[in-house]
Structures are given as structure tokens and as C-alpha cells.
C-alpha atoms as a PDB file:
ATOM      1  CA  MET A   1       1.484  -7.643 -13.864  1.00  0.00           C
ATOM      2  CA  PRO A   2       1.326  -4.083 -12.503  1.00  0.00           C
ATOM      3  CA  LYS A   3      -0.636  -3.344  -9.346  1.00  0.00           C
ATOM      4  CA  GLN A   4      -4.140  -2.010 -10.042  1.00  0.00           C
ATOM      5  CA  ILE A   5      -5.257   1.259  -8.435  1.00  0.00           C
ATOM      6  CA  ILE A   6      -8.554   3.127  -8.658  1.00  0.00           C
ATOM      7  CA  VAL A   7      -8.610   6.875  -7.955  1.00  0.00           C
ATOM      8  CA  VAL A   8     -12.039   8.254  -7.009  1.00  0.00           C
ATOM      9  CA  ASP A   9     -12.299  12.055  -6.968  1.00  0.00           C
ATOM     10  CA  ASP A  10     -14.828  14.435  -8.484  1.00  0.00           C
ATOM     11  CA  ASP A  11     -12.002  16.856  -9.383  1.00  0.00           C
ATOM     12  CA  LYS A  12     -10.706  15.929 -12.841  1.00  0.00           C
ATOM     13  CA  GLU A  13      -7.360  17.673 -12.263  1.00  0.00           C
ATOM     14  CA  VAL A  14      -6.697  15.696  -9.072  1.00  0.00           C
ATOM     15  CA  ARG A  15      -7.553  12.428 -10.855  1.00  0.00           C
ATOM     16  CA  GLU A  16      -5.204  13.323 -13.705  1.00  0.00           C
ATOM     17  CA  ILE A  17      -2.294  14.320 -11.429  1.00  0.00           C
ATOM     18  CA  ILE A  18      -2.520  11.146  -9.357  1.00  0.00           C
ATOM     19  CA  THR A  19      -3.031   8.965 -12.424  1.00  0.00           C
ATOM     20  CA  PHE A  20      -0.013  10.491 -14.151  1.00  0.00           C
ATOM     21  CA  ALA A  21       2.270  10.136 -11.114  1.00  0.00           C
ATOM     22  CA  LEU A  22       1.281   6.539 -10.397  1.00  0.00           C
ATOM     23  CA  THR A  23       1.308   5.432 -14.043  1.00  0.00           C
ATOM     24  CA  ARG A  24       4.842   6.836 -14.469  1.00  0.00           C
ATOM     25  CA  THR A  25       5.845   4.710 -11.468  1.00  0.00           C
ATOM     26  CA  GLY A  26       4.548   1.509 -13.063  1.00  0.00           C
ATOM     27  CA  PHE A  27       1.052   1.158 -11.631  1.00  0.00           C
ATOM     28  CA  GLU A  28      -2.069   0.601 -13.700  1.00  0.00           C
ATOM     29  CA  VAL A  29      -4.506   3.332 -12.723  1.00  0.00           C
ATOM     30  CA  HIS A  30      -8.212   3.724 -13.414  1.00  0.00           C
ATOM     31  CA  ALA A  31     -10.178   6.798 -12.435  1.00  0.00           C
ATOM     32  CA  ALA A  32     -13.748   7.429 -11.320  1.00  0.00           C
ATOM     33  CA  SER A  33     -15.492  10.682 -10.492  1.00  0.00           C
ATOM     34  CA  ASN A  34     -18.208   9.214  -8.257  1.00  0.00           C
ATOM     35  CA  ASP A  35     -19.575   6.095  -6.577  1.00  0.00           C
ATOM     36  CA  ARG A  36     -21.384   4.868  -9.708  1.00  0.00           C
ATOM     37  CA  GLN A  37     -18.244   4.951 -11.818  1.00  0.00           C
ATOM     38  CA  LEU A  38     -16.352   3.179  -9.037  1.00  0.00           C
ATOM     39  CA  GLU A  39     -18.963   0.411  -9.009  1.00  0.00           C
ATOM     40  CA  ASP A  40     -18.591   0.043 -12.799  1.00  0.00           C
ATOM     41  CA  LEU A  41     -14.813  -0.345 -12.427  1.00  0.00           C
ATOM     42  CA  LEU A  42     -15.179  -2.820  -9.560  1.00  0.00           C
ATOM     43  CA  ALA A  43     -17.477  -4.949 -11.705  1.00  0.00           C
ATOM     44  CA  VAL A  44     -14.634  -5.406 -14.200  1.00  0.00           C
ATOM     45  CA  GLN A  45     -11.649  -5.952 -11.890  1.00  0.00           C
ATOM     46  CA  MET A  46     -10.845  -5.769  -8.201  1.00  0.00           C
ATOM     47  CA  PRO A  47      -8.014  -3.280  -7.544  1.00  0.00           C
ATOM     48  CA  ASP A  48      -5.056  -3.684  -5.227  1.00  0.00           C
ATOM     49  CA  LEU A  49      -5.758  -0.217  -3.748  1.00  0.00           C
ATOM     50  CA  ILE A  50      -8.375   2.535  -3.859  1.00  0.00           C
ATOM     51  CA  ILE A  51      -7.627   6.236  -3.378  1.00  0.00           C
ATOM     52  CA  LEU A  52     -10.836   7.918  -2.282  1.00  0.00           C
ATOM     53  CA  ASP A  53     -11.753  11.597  -1.924  1.00  0.00           C
ATOM     54  CA  VAL A  54     -14.063  12.601   0.942  1.00  0.00           C
ATOM     55  CA  MET A  55     -15.984  15.534  -0.501  1.00  0.00           C
ATOM     56  CA  MET A  56     -17.885  14.397  -3.574  1.00  0.00           C
ATOM     57  CA  PRO A  57     -21.424  14.951  -4.806  1.00  0.00           C
ATOM     58  CA  GLY A  58     -23.768  12.029  -4.255  1.00  0.00           C
ATOM     59  CA  MET A  59     -22.224   9.521  -1.875  1.00  0.00           C
ATOM     60  CA  ASP A  60     -19.411  11.186   0.061  1.00  0.00           C
ATOM     61  CA  GLY A  61     -16.097   9.406   0.531  1.00  0.00           C
ATOM     62  CA  TYR A  62     -16.664   8.322   4.129  1.00  0.00           C
ATOM     63  CA  SER A  63     -20.036   6.758   3.243  1.00  0.00           C
ATOM     64  CA  LEU A  64     -18.511   5.127   0.183  1.00  0.00           C
ATOM     65  CA  PHE A  65     -15.646   3.778   2.305  1.00  0.00           C
ATOM     66  CA  GLU A  66     -18.107   2.230   4.766  1.00  0.00           C
ATOM     67  CA  HIS A  67     -20.017   0.729   1.823  1.00  0.00           C
ATOM     68  CA  LEU A  68     -16.785  -0.810   0.492  1.00  0.00           C
ATOM     69  CA  ARG A  69     -16.024  -2.262   3.923  1.00  0.00           C
ATOM     70  CA  SER A  70     -19.508  -3.786   4.177  1.00  0.00           C
ATOM     71  CA  ARG A  71     -19.030  -5.803   0.972  1.00  0.00           C
ATOM     72  CA  LEU A  72     -17.205  -9.109   1.146  1.00  0.00           C
ATOM     73  CA  GLU A  73     -15.406  -8.607  -2.169  1.00  0.00           C
ATOM     74  CA  THR A  74     -14.026  -5.134  -1.303  1.00  0.00           C
ATOM     75  CA  ARG A  75     -13.505  -5.223   2.471  1.00  0.00           C
ATOM     76  CA  HIS A  76      -9.886  -6.374   2.097  1.00  0.00           C
ATOM     77  CA  VAL A  77      -8.861  -3.675  -0.431  1.00  0.00           C
ATOM     78  CA  PRO A  78      -6.689  -1.009   1.226  1.00  0.00           C
ATOM     79  CA  VAL A  79      -8.034   2.536   0.915  1.00  0.00           C
ATOM     80  CA  ILE A  80      -6.233   5.856   1.106  1.00  0.00           C
ATOM     81  CA  ILE A  81      -8.641   8.641   2.009  1.00  0.00           C
ATOM     82  CA  MET A  82      -7.990  12.181   0.744  1.00  0.00           C
ATOM     83  CA  THR A  83      -9.579  15.409   1.925  1.00  0.00           C
ATOM     84  CA  ALA A  84      -9.022  19.138   1.633  1.00  0.00           C
ATOM     85  CA  HIS A  85      -9.938  19.485   5.317  1.00  0.00           C
ATOM     86  CA  ALA A  86      -6.654  20.160   7.074  1.00  0.00           C
ATOM     87  CA  GLU A  87      -7.980  19.747  10.620  1.00  0.00           C
ATOM     88  CA  ASP A  88      -6.503  16.787  12.510  1.00  0.00           C
ATOM     89  CA  ILE A  89      -9.986  15.415  13.243  1.00  0.00           C
ATOM     90  CA  TYR A  90     -10.394  14.366   9.596  1.00  0.00           C
ATOM     91  CA  GLN A  91      -7.219  12.297   9.664  1.00  0.00           C
ATOM     92  CA  ARG A  92      -8.446  10.724  12.893  1.00  0.00           C
ATOM     93  CA  ILE A  93     -11.848   9.916  11.339  1.00  0.00           C
ATOM     94  CA  SER A  94     -10.174   8.314   8.295  1.00  0.00           C
ATOM     95  CA  LEU A  95      -7.907   6.131  10.383  1.00  0.00           C
ATOM     96  CA  ASP A  96     -10.631   5.267  12.913  1.00  0.00           C
ATOM     97  CA  LEU A  97     -12.842   4.065  10.053  1.00  0.00           C
ATOM     98  CA  GLY A  98     -10.029   1.773   8.956  1.00  0.00           C
ATOM     99  CA  ALA A  99      -8.379   3.638   6.107  1.00  0.00           C
ATOM    100  CA  ALA A 100      -4.853   2.472   5.390  1.00  0.00           C
ATOM    101  CA  GLN A 101      -3.637   6.074   5.001  1.00  0.00           C
ATOM    102  CA  HIS A 102      -4.910   9.642   4.982  1.00  0.00           C
ATOM    103  CA  ILE A 103      -3.726  12.408   2.635  1.00  0.00           C
ATOM    104  CA  THR A 104      -4.556  16.080   3.054  1.00  0.00           C
ATOM    105  CA  LYS A 105      -4.984  18.207  -0.067  1.00  0.00           C
ATOM    106  CA  PRO A 106      -3.073  19.938  -1.444  1.00  0.00           C
ATOM    107  CA  PHE A 107      -0.461  17.217  -1.657  1.00  0.00           C
ATOM    108  CA  HIS A 108       2.690  16.577  -3.622  1.00  0.00           C
ATOM    109  CA  PRO A 109       2.236  13.765  -6.176  1.00  0.00           C
ATOM    110  CA  LEU A 110       5.388  12.051  -4.898  1.00  0.00           C
ATOM    111  CA  GLU A 111       3.780  11.850  -1.431  1.00  0.00           C
ATOM    112  CA  VAL A 112       0.955   9.840  -2.974  1.00  0.00           C
ATOM    113  CA  VAL A 113       3.401   7.616  -4.871  1.00  0.00           C
ATOM    114  CA  GLU A 114       5.433   6.907  -1.726  1.00  0.00           C
ATOM    115  CA  LYS A 115       2.352   6.057   0.363  1.00  0.00           C
ATOM    116  CA  VAL A 116       1.054   3.747  -2.377  1.00  0.00           C
ATOM    117  CA  LYS A 117       4.410   2.004  -2.776  1.00  0.00           C
ATOM    118  CA  LYS A 118       4.695   1.509   0.971  1.00  0.00           C
ATOM    119  CA  LEU A 119       1.161   0.126   1.286  1.00  0.00           C
ATOM    120  CA  LEU A 120       1.576  -2.228  -1.647  1.00  0.00           C
ATOM    121  CA  GLN A 121       5.151  -3.074  -0.648  1.00  0.00           C
ATOM    122  CA  VAL A 122       6.551  -2.122  -4.023  1.00  0.00           C
ATOM    123  CA  SER A 123      10.254  -1.275  -4.162  1.00  0.00           C
ATOM    124  CA  SER A 124      11.624   1.763  -5.935  1.00  0.00           C
END
């Protein structure tokens, strides 16, 4: 059974790029544009990994990450946090909060694939 990944980003193009890259690598990917859609997906199946954007309308990514960590059923799910903020402080915030990885936009899709494979210990 392929590893399950949820991509949460309000930018449709980013969701599509990541979904395409990860699906071509053998992962099963579901996408959400906000916290409500993420909750709907989580109600159906718990993923092996969540990729989470920081800047989104409604609940921002850092708040959503803390919410995921506060819930028993999602606190163990690794999260990669993405942001367009290139300043080092944002990577530090992501890692200090407990994110498994941090990705700065723009990114190369293969960078995302490699980080996901490493986190989920999936061989090439």
C-alpha cells in the first residue's frame, strides 16, 4: 500500500506540482486548500505525512501545525512546513515547533520528493 500524504496549500498550482511529483514517485497524495478541507481528509484516513504551507487564509500553517500537535490522533504524523519567507528565522520557527522538515518556496519538486522519501524511509 502506498504511503499517504496530504498537501495543504491555498495555492492551487503548488498543490498540483507537489501532487504530481509525489504521485509519479508512488505516493498517494490528497490535497487541501485550507484547515477545513484538511479536517475533512483526516476524518477519512490518517496520512503518513502532511506538507503544510504557512501563509494561508483562515488558520495559518503554524497555528494549524500546533492544532495538529495538540490532537492525540495527529500528534505523531510528521509535518513538512513550507513558506515563501526566505529568512532563516522561519526555518528556525518551523523546526522549533517540531516540524520534521522546512521547505522554502520556490522549491524544486525533486527537493520535496527527496525530503518525503527520507522522512518516510522510502527507497528510490
